[in-house]
Amino acid sequence: MNDQNGFTLLSMMLALSTLLVIISLIVSITQFMTHRFQPRLDTQKETQIFFTQTATEIHLSHSVSSSSDQRTLTLKKGTDFVSYAFESPGRIVRKVNGDGYEIVLQQVKKVTFQTNGEFVSIRVTDKADRAYYWDDFLYVKDDAGDSQQH
């Protein structure tokens, strides 16, 4: 009897097939996890940008008020009135003097704008029911938006 040690072609093909199945499973799971969490990160980033831009504009305005239904925030900047309003389908839009509009945030399920003269609060709930909020004291300036001559 001639005993030979080593791999046969069949055992080598089985080992390679098993390796390929494992690699393809790992790739599939990785792609699934990447796509699953990407929209949340995008929404978080877009919401933070919205809060940052809105905060800057609020602090450069003369006055800030919210509508009774808390769906609109109105700022007075110089001679202009800037409004942020929740409009369907799921968008917050910015308008200057009621003309045109700029979409500042999408994928919004609900928003509330609140202000009492000293404090402003914005609450946003996205379509995946994740809540985001921004609260700040108002320190609007009497000369906001005006250029000073020296």
Foldseek 3Di string as FASTA:
>chain_A
DDDDDDDDPVNVVVVVVVVVVVVVVVVVVVVVVCVVCVVVVVQVVLVVVLVVVVVVVQQLFQFWAADPVQQKIWTHHPPKIWMWGQDPPAFTWIDINPPDIDTSHGQWDDWGWDDDGFKIKIWTAGVVRDIDMDIDTHDHDNCRNPDDDD
